Protein backbone atom coordinates (compact mmCIF):
# COMPACT_ATOMS: atom_id res chain seq x y z
CA MET A 1 -0.01 0.01 0.01
CA LYS A 2 2.81 2.42 0.87
CA THR A 3 4.50 1.71 -2.45
CA MET A 4 1.23 2.33 -4.32
CA MET A 5 0.75 5.62 -2.49
CA LYS A 6 4.26 6.73 -3.43
CA LYS A 7 3.54 5.91 -7.08
CA ALA A 8 0.23 7.77 -6.90
CA ILE A 9 1.93 10.83 -5.47
CA ALA A 10 4.63 10.71 -8.15
CA VAL A 11 2.03 10.43 -10.86
CA THR A 12 -0.07 13.26 -9.45
CA LEU A 13 2.97 15.55 -9.21
CA SER A 14 4.07 14.82 -12.76
CA LEU A 15 0.56 15.51 -14.07
CA ALA A 16 0.33 18.73 -12.15
CA MET A 17 3.65 19.80 -13.70
CA ALA A 18 2.50 18.81 -17.17
CA VAL A 19 -0.44 21.21 -17.04
CA THR A 20 1.89 24.20 -17.08
CA VAL A 21 4.38 22.96 -19.63
CA PHE A 22 2.77 24.72 -22.58
CA MET A 23 3.16 28.15 -20.90
CA GLY A 24 6.64 28.52 -22.38
CA ALA A 25 5.24 28.56 -25.93
CA SER A 26 3.25 31.40 -27.42
CA LEU A 27 -0.35 30.66 -28.25
CA GLU A 28 0.07 33.12 -31.10
CA SER A 29 2.67 30.88 -32.76
CA LYS A 30 2.85 30.83 -36.55
CA ALA A 31 2.40 27.67 -38.55
CA TYR A 32 5.40 25.36 -38.52
CA THR A 33 6.88 24.61 -41.93
CA GLU A 34 8.00 21.02 -42.29
CA THR A 35 10.39 20.57 -45.21
CA ASN A 36 11.22 16.89 -44.65
CA LEU A 37 9.30 14.70 -47.08
CA ARG A 38 9.71 11.56 -44.98
CA SER A 39 6.83 10.96 -42.57
CA VAL A 40 7.72 11.81 -38.98
CA TYR A 41 5.33 9.00 -37.99
CA THR A 42 6.44 6.13 -40.26
CA ASN A 43 9.50 7.36 -42.27
CA GLU A 44 7.58 6.61 -45.44
CA PRO A 45 7.62 9.10 -48.31
CA THR A 46 5.03 11.85 -47.87
CA THR A 47 3.93 15.11 -49.47
CA ALA A 48 4.45 18.63 -48.21
CA ALA A 49 0.72 19.01 -47.57
CA LYS A 50 0.57 15.87 -45.39
CA ALA A 51 3.86 16.66 -43.63
CA ASN A 52 2.52 20.01 -42.49
CA LEU A 53 -1.05 18.81 -41.66
CA ARG A 54 -1.82 18.38 -37.99
CA PRO A 55 -2.73 14.78 -37.23
CA ILE A 56 -5.83 13.74 -35.38
CA ALA A 57 -5.54 11.76 -32.16
CA VAL A 58 -8.73 9.74 -31.70
CA MET A 59 -9.91 7.95 -28.57
CA MET A 60 -11.17 4.51 -29.52
CA PRO A 61 -12.51 1.62 -27.40
CA THR A 62 -11.33 -1.95 -26.93
CA ASP A 63 -14.74 -3.16 -25.63
CA LYS A 64 -15.71 -6.41 -27.33
CA VAL A 65 -19.15 -5.13 -28.33
CA ALA A 66 -17.56 -2.02 -29.90
CA GLN A 67 -15.42 -3.87 -32.43
CA PRO A 68 -14.42 -3.23 -35.10
CA SER A 69 -13.42 0.43 -35.05
CA TYR A 70 -13.72 2.42 -38.28
CA GLY A 71 -10.49 3.97 -39.63
CA ILE A 72 -8.23 2.54 -36.93
CA SER A 73 -5.94 0.91 -39.56
CA LYS A 74 -5.11 4.44 -40.74
CA ALA A 75 -3.30 5.05 -37.42
CA ASP A 76 0.40 5.68 -37.94
CA VAL A 77 0.95 5.28 -34.21
CA LEU A 78 -1.49 3.41 -32.02
CA TYR A 79 -1.34 3.56 -28.19
CA GLU A 80 -3.15 1.21 -25.84
CA ILE A 81 -3.42 2.10 -22.14
CA MET A 82 -5.39 0.66 -19.23
CA GLU A 83 -8.41 2.48 -17.82
CA GLU A 84 -10.65 1.89 -14.89
CA GLY A 85 -12.60 -1.40 -14.75
CA ASN A 86 -9.52 -3.28 -15.99
CA ILE A 87 -10.39 -2.32 -19.59
CA SER A 88 -7.90 -0.64 -21.92
CA ARG A 89 -8.54 2.09 -24.44
CA GLN A 90 -6.71 3.24 -27.55
CA LEU A 91 -5.39 6.51 -28.96
CA ALA A 92 -5.03 6.41 -32.74
CA VAL A 93 -2.69 9.07 -34.16
CA ILE A 94 -3.66 9.51 -37.84
CA ASN A 95 -1.87 11.86 -40.25
CA ASP A 96 -3.71 11.07 -43.52
CA TRP A 97 -7.27 11.69 -42.28
CA THR A 98 -8.78 14.29 -44.59
CA GLY A 99 -10.67 11.80 -46.78
CA MET A 100 -12.18 9.70 -44.01
CA ALA A 101 -15.99 9.53 -43.98
CA ARG A 102 -16.44 7.58 -40.71
CA ILE A 103 -13.99 7.71 -37.80
CA GLY A 104 -14.64 5.85 -34.58
CA ASN A 105 -16.50 4.84 -32.66
CA ILE A 106 -15.21 7.52 -30.33
CA ARG A 107 -15.03 7.26 -26.57
CA SER A 108 -14.08 9.48 -23.68
CA CYS A 109 -10.54 10.62 -22.82
CA ARG A 110 -8.51 10.34 -19.62
CA LEU A 111 -5.95 12.81 -18.24
CA TYR A 112 -2.88 10.71 -19.05
CA TYR A 113 -3.74 10.53 -22.74
CA ILE A 114 -3.26 14.26 -23.10
CA PRO A 115 0.53 14.33 -22.69
CA VAL A 116 0.71 11.27 -24.94
CA ALA A 117 -1.24 13.12 -27.65
CA LYS A 118 0.49 16.47 -27.20
CA GLU A 119 3.86 15.28 -28.42
CA TRP A 120 2.29 15.06 -31.89
CA ASP A 121 0.55 18.47 -31.73
CA PRO A 122 -2.77 16.89 -32.86
CA ILE A 123 -6.41 17.80 -32.90
CA LEU A 124 -7.67 15.58 -30.06
CA ILE A 125 -10.94 13.80 -30.85
CA HIS A 126 -12.89 12.42 -27.89
CA PHE A 127 -16.41 12.07 -26.46
CA GLY A 128 -16.16 13.62 -23.02
CA GLY A 129 -13.87 12.69 -20.17
CA VAL A 130 -13.48 12.79 -16.40
CA CYS A 131 -13.31 15.51 -13.79
CA TYR A 132 -9.52 15.18 -13.43
CA MET A 133 -9.07 16.57 -16.96
CA GLN A 134 -10.35 19.99 -15.93
CA GLY A 135 -7.62 22.57 -16.31
CA THR A 136 -5.77 20.47 -18.87
CA ILE A 137 -8.24 19.51 -21.61
CA ASP A 138 -9.64 23.02 -21.58
CA ALA A 139 -6.24 24.78 -21.46
CA PRO A 140 -5.57 27.28 -24.31
CA ASP A 141 -2.96 25.11 -25.99
CA VAL A 142 -5.20 22.06 -26.41
CA ASN A 143 -7.24 21.92 -29.62
CA ASN A 144 -9.88 19.27 -28.94
CA LEU A 145 -13.26 18.25 -30.32
CA SER A 146 -15.65 16.60 -27.87
CA GLY A 147 -19.09 15.10 -28.43
CA THR A 148 -20.16 16.15 -24.92
CA TYR A 149 -18.86 18.06 -21.89
CA GLU A 150 -15.11 17.84 -22.36
CA TYR A 151 -14.24 16.78 -18.80
CA GLY A 152 -17.38 14.81 -18.06
CA VAL A 153 -18.91 16.93 -15.36
CA GLY A 154 -18.39 20.25 -17.06
CA GLY A 155 -16.50 22.32 -19.60
CA SER A 156 -17.63 23.08 -23.14
CA ALA A 157 -18.30 20.61 -25.94
CA PRO A 158 -16.21 22.01 -28.80
CA GLY A 159 -17.38 20.73 -32.15
CA ALA A 160 -20.12 18.50 -30.65
CA GLY A 161 -22.51 19.31 -33.46
CA ASN A 162 -20.28 17.61 -35.94
CA TYR A 163 -20.45 14.17 -34.34
CA PHE A 164 -23.04 11.66 -35.51
CA ARG A 165 -24.51 8.41 -34.23
CA THR A 166 -25.35 5.28 -36.22
CA SER A 167 -28.15 2.76 -35.73
CA ASP A 168 -26.01 -0.40 -36.08
CA ARG A 169 -24.81 -0.25 -32.43
CA LYS A 170 -26.24 0.94 -29.15
CA ALA A 171 -24.86 3.97 -27.30
CA PRO A 172 -22.17 4.64 -26.16
CA HIS A 173 -20.62 2.53 -28.93
CA ASN A 174 -22.06 4.34 -31.94
CA ALA A 175 -20.58 7.86 -31.90
CA TYR A 176 -18.51 8.89 -34.91
CA ILE A 177 -17.07 11.91 -36.71
CA SER A 178 -16.00 12.49 -40.32
CA ALA A 179 -13.05 14.38 -41.81
CA GLN A 180 -15.53 16.93 -43.16
CA GLY A 181 -16.98 17.36 -39.68
CA ILE A 182 -13.50 17.85 -38.21
CA MET A 183 -12.63 20.50 -40.75
CA LYS A 184 -15.91 22.33 -40.22
CA ALA A 185 -15.40 22.32 -36.49
CA CYS A 186 -11.77 23.48 -36.73
CA THR A 187 -12.76 26.37 -39.04
CA LYS A 188 -15.50 27.47 -36.61
CA LEU A 189 -13.29 27.13 -33.53
CA GLY A 190 -10.25 28.78 -35.10
CA TYR A 191 -8.01 25.71 -34.79
CA SER A 192 -4.98 25.63 -37.03
CA MET A 193 -5.05 22.78 -39.53
CA ASN A 194 -1.29 23.02 -39.90
CA LEU A 195 1.38 22.15 -37.36
CA ARG A 196 2.02 24.92 -34.87
CA ASP A 197 5.45 26.45 -34.40
CA GLY A 198 6.35 26.32 -30.73
CA PHE A 199 4.25 23.20 -30.12
CA TYR A 200 5.24 20.79 -32.85
CA ASN A 201 8.49 18.88 -32.42
CA SER A 202 10.00 17.43 -35.59
CA LYS A 203 12.22 14.95 -33.75
CA HIS A 204 10.29 11.83 -32.82
CA PHE A 205 11.25 8.32 -33.67
CA ASN A 206 14.82 7.56 -34.77
CA PHE A 207 14.40 5.53 -37.92
CA ALA A 208 17.02 3.20 -39.35
CA GLU A 209 18.44 4.01 -42.81
CA GLY A 210 17.89 0.44 -43.92
CA VAL A 211 16.29 -2.56 -42.20
CA ASN A 212 17.04 -3.06 -38.54
CA THR A 213 16.90 -6.79 -37.68
CA LEU A 214 18.38 -6.20 -34.20
CA ALA A 215 21.33 -8.45 -35.26
CA GLN A 216 23.68 -5.89 -33.68
CA TYR A 217 22.38 -7.04 -30.24
CA PRO A 218 23.80 -10.49 -29.36
CA ASN A 219 21.32 -10.83 -26.54
CA ALA A 220 18.22 -10.01 -28.63
CA ALA A 221 15.48 -12.48 -27.73
CA THR A 222 13.10 -14.35 -30.00
CA ALA A 223 9.72 -12.62 -30.15
CA ASN A 224 7.43 -14.25 -32.68
CA VAL A 225 4.52 -13.82 -30.25
CA ILE A 226 3.99 -10.84 -27.94
CA ASP A 227 1.53 -11.80 -25.23
CA LEU A 228 0.01 -8.82 -23.38
CA ALA A 229 -2.66 -10.79 -21.50
CA GLN A 230 -1.21 -9.76 -18.14
CA VAL A 231 -0.94 -6.14 -19.20
CA PHE A 232 -4.45 -6.00 -20.70
CA PRO A 233 -6.34 -8.87 -19.06
CA TYR A 234 -9.74 -7.95 -20.51
CA THR A 235 -8.72 -7.75 -24.15
CA LYS A 236 -5.83 -10.19 -23.87
CA SER A 237 -4.12 -8.18 -26.58
CA SER A 238 -1.38 -9.95 -28.50
CA LEU A 239 0.70 -9.64 -31.66
CA SER A 240 2.04 -12.36 -33.92
CA TYR A 241 5.04 -11.95 -36.25
CA ASN A 242 4.63 -12.79 -39.90
CA PRO A 243 8.09 -13.39 -41.43
CA ALA A 244 6.59 -13.21 -44.91
CA ASP A 245 6.10 -9.46 -44.68
CA GLY A 246 8.06 -8.67 -41.51
CA MET A 247 4.98 -7.29 -39.72
CA TYR A 248 3.34 -7.91 -36.30
CA TYR A 249 -0.39 -8.58 -36.63
CA LYS A 250 -2.57 -7.49 -33.70
CA ASN A 251 -5.22 -9.58 -31.95
CA LEU A 252 -7.94 -8.42 -29.57
CA HIS A 253 -10.19 -10.69 -27.52
CA GLY A 254 -8.48 -13.72 -29.09
CA VAL A 255 -9.31 -12.78 -32.71
CA PRO A 256 -7.71 -10.52 -35.31
CA GLN A 257 -8.25 -6.84 -34.62
CA THR A 258 -9.66 -5.39 -37.84
CA ASP A 259 -10.78 -2.10 -39.31
CA GLY A 260 -14.53 -1.81 -39.94
CA LEU A 261 -13.85 0.19 -43.11
CA THR A 262 -11.56 -2.31 -44.79
CA GLY A 263 -11.84 -5.57 -42.87
CA THR A 264 -8.05 -5.77 -42.72
CA GLN A 265 -6.14 -6.83 -39.59
CA LEU A 266 -4.02 -4.18 -37.85
CA LYS A 267 -0.29 -4.71 -38.48
CA PHE A 268 2.84 -2.91 -37.32
CA ALA A 269 6.53 -2.79 -38.20
CA ASN A 270 7.42 -1.77 -34.64
CA VAL A 271 6.02 -2.73 -31.23
CA ILE A 272 7.00 -0.98 -27.99
CA VAL A 273 6.02 -1.96 -24.48
CA GLN A 274 6.52 1.03 -22.22
CA ASN A 275 6.45 0.21 -18.48
CA THR A 276 5.05 3.20 -16.61
CA ILE A 277 4.61 4.30 -13.00
CA TRP A 278 0.93 4.36 -12.19
CA GLY A 279 -1.52 4.63 -9.30
CA PRO A 280 -4.92 5.97 -8.42
CA ALA A 281 -5.72 9.40 -9.81
CA SER A 282 -6.18 10.56 -6.21
CA PRO A 283 -5.35 8.94 -2.83
CA MET A 284 -9.03 9.47 -2.08
CA ASP A 285 -10.32 7.96 -5.38
CA SER A 286 -9.19 4.52 -6.44
CA LYS A 287 -11.62 4.30 -9.38
CA TYR A 288 -9.63 6.28 -11.90
CA LEU A 289 -6.01 5.64 -12.83
CA ALA A 290 -3.08 7.95 -13.38
CA PHE A 291 0.14 7.30 -15.32
CA ALA A 292 3.41 9.23 -15.18
CA MET A 293 3.85 9.85 -18.89
CA VAL A 294 6.63 12.43 -18.26
CA ASP A 295 9.48 10.44 -16.78
CA ASN A 296 13.07 9.25 -17.27
CA THR A 297 13.28 6.32 -14.87
CA MET A 298 11.34 3.49 -16.54
CA ASP A 299 12.08 0.70 -18.99
CA GLY A 300 10.35 -1.55 -21.50
CA TYR A 301 10.89 -3.54 -24.68
CA TYR A 302 11.30 -2.92 -28.41
CA PHE A 303 10.11 -5.58 -30.84
CA THR A 304 10.77 -5.79 -34.57
CA LYS A 305 11.47 -8.51 -37.14
CA GLY A 306 10.68 -11.28 -34.69
CA LYS A 307 13.26 -10.13 -32.09
CA ALA A 308 13.19 -8.11 -28.83
CA ILE A 309 15.57 -5.94 -26.85
CA HIS A 310 15.29 -4.25 -23.49
CA VAL A 311 14.97 -0.44 -23.59
CA THR A 312 14.58 2.57 -21.35
CA TRP A 313 12.46 5.61 -22.18
CA GLN A 314 12.45 9.34 -21.52
CA LYS A 315 9.88 12.10 -22.00
CA ALA A 316 10.92 15.55 -20.73
CA SER A 317 7.66 17.46 -21.05
CA ASP A 318 4.17 17.31 -22.59
CA TYR A 319 5.23 18.43 -26.06
CA ALA A 320 8.56 16.61 -26.03
CA PRO A 321 8.75 13.31 -27.89
CA THR A 322 9.16 10.08 -26.01
CA ARG A 323 12.58 8.67 -26.80
CA TYR A 324 13.75 5.12 -26.43
CA PHE A 325 17.28 3.89 -25.69
CA ASP A 326 19.02 0.51 -25.72
CA ASP A 327 21.07 -0.76 -22.76
CA ASN A 328 24.19 0.87 -24.20
CA GLY A 329 22.53 4.30 -23.97
CA ASN A 330 22.01 4.62 -27.71
CA GLU A 331 18.70 5.72 -29.17
CA ILE A 332 17.06 2.74 -30.77
CA GLN A 333 16.45 2.65 -34.55
CA LEU A 334 12.92 1.85 -35.61
CA ASN A 335 12.08 0.29 -38.89
CA THR A 336 10.02 2.21 -41.48
CA GLY A 337 6.33 1.61 -40.92
CA LYS A 338 3.62 1.94 -38.29
CA THR A 339 4.19 1.59 -34.54
CA TYR A 340 2.06 0.14 -31.74
CA ILE A 341 2.85 1.26 -28.20
CA ALA A 342 1.47 -0.55 -25.17
CA ILE A 343 1.70 1.61 -22.04
CA ALA A 344 2.05 -1.06 -19.38
CA GLN A 345 1.39 -0.67 -15.68
CA ALA A 346 4.76 -1.26 -13.98
CA GLY A 347 4.61 -4.68 -12.38
CA ARG A 348 2.46 -6.29 -15.11
CA ALA A 349 4.66 -8.57 -17.17
CA VAL A 350 4.76 -8.94 -20.97
CA ARG A 351 5.52 -12.43 -22.33
CA PHE A 352 7.24 -13.06 -25.64
CA TYR A 353 8.62 -16.13 -27.29
């Protein structure tokens, strides 16, 4: 219990610090001009228009009755983090979103997703939240669209009129938004559609120039299967390596996790498990969780090409990128392609073989 309380205090302090991080940057910042024509998300070739477009960061559920999500395979970076009730949730960071007719379904946000999203300077898409988000989700630097009160018990509902519900599922699993709706809402709210100078950071993942097989690490372990059942016990998330294309295919609830738009299974070139200090959001409230997303003390694993190495990670502030290092202190080199990041509660083991 004492250990848990210490973790909770550490998490609460880090979150309180994170709220004020943006104050060093001007809210009147001009648009950032990205000249690199390799995607900051995947290292794949891109266009100037896409390189300078702000991504969307969409809250999506893992609930069994809510599958499949629509547009989730478009995520360049997909995060999965535990929430209350022992159920995880996902944050899909999507750069090429302007042609999407149905995105979601969309669920509520939690406080610790905000520093995760901020490092990409996105438009945050969610359907409400919880009281602990007050003061952060409604801060001037955050550009969010919410289908209802943005922190659950209060706040505004920016862009709510652009969400829509479908009849194929019951609420709360049937709320969606379209690219057209996002653009209309951003125009009305005065949100920049282009990356913002002073908020956007062009240095994120460190990509390999060729293919990184992890052969340079003699102790790299075999990782054809990544079993996250202890990390996410409800979904029993897992990934299986396919040597034919060098990708990890994601499973949810024991079956392939697919996109409702395409029917295709989610697949990733890179998988990261990021062990994270966690605890209750408040010593007086054990229902909601908190995670220390700004930290430099924790470790994890990097998986690619059927192999795994131990890593450590650092994130200096909300808008700073999370960086990953091998045991020699060198920043790891990711392979070109999409990345899945499991934010694991410290103490919950990942199995791989």
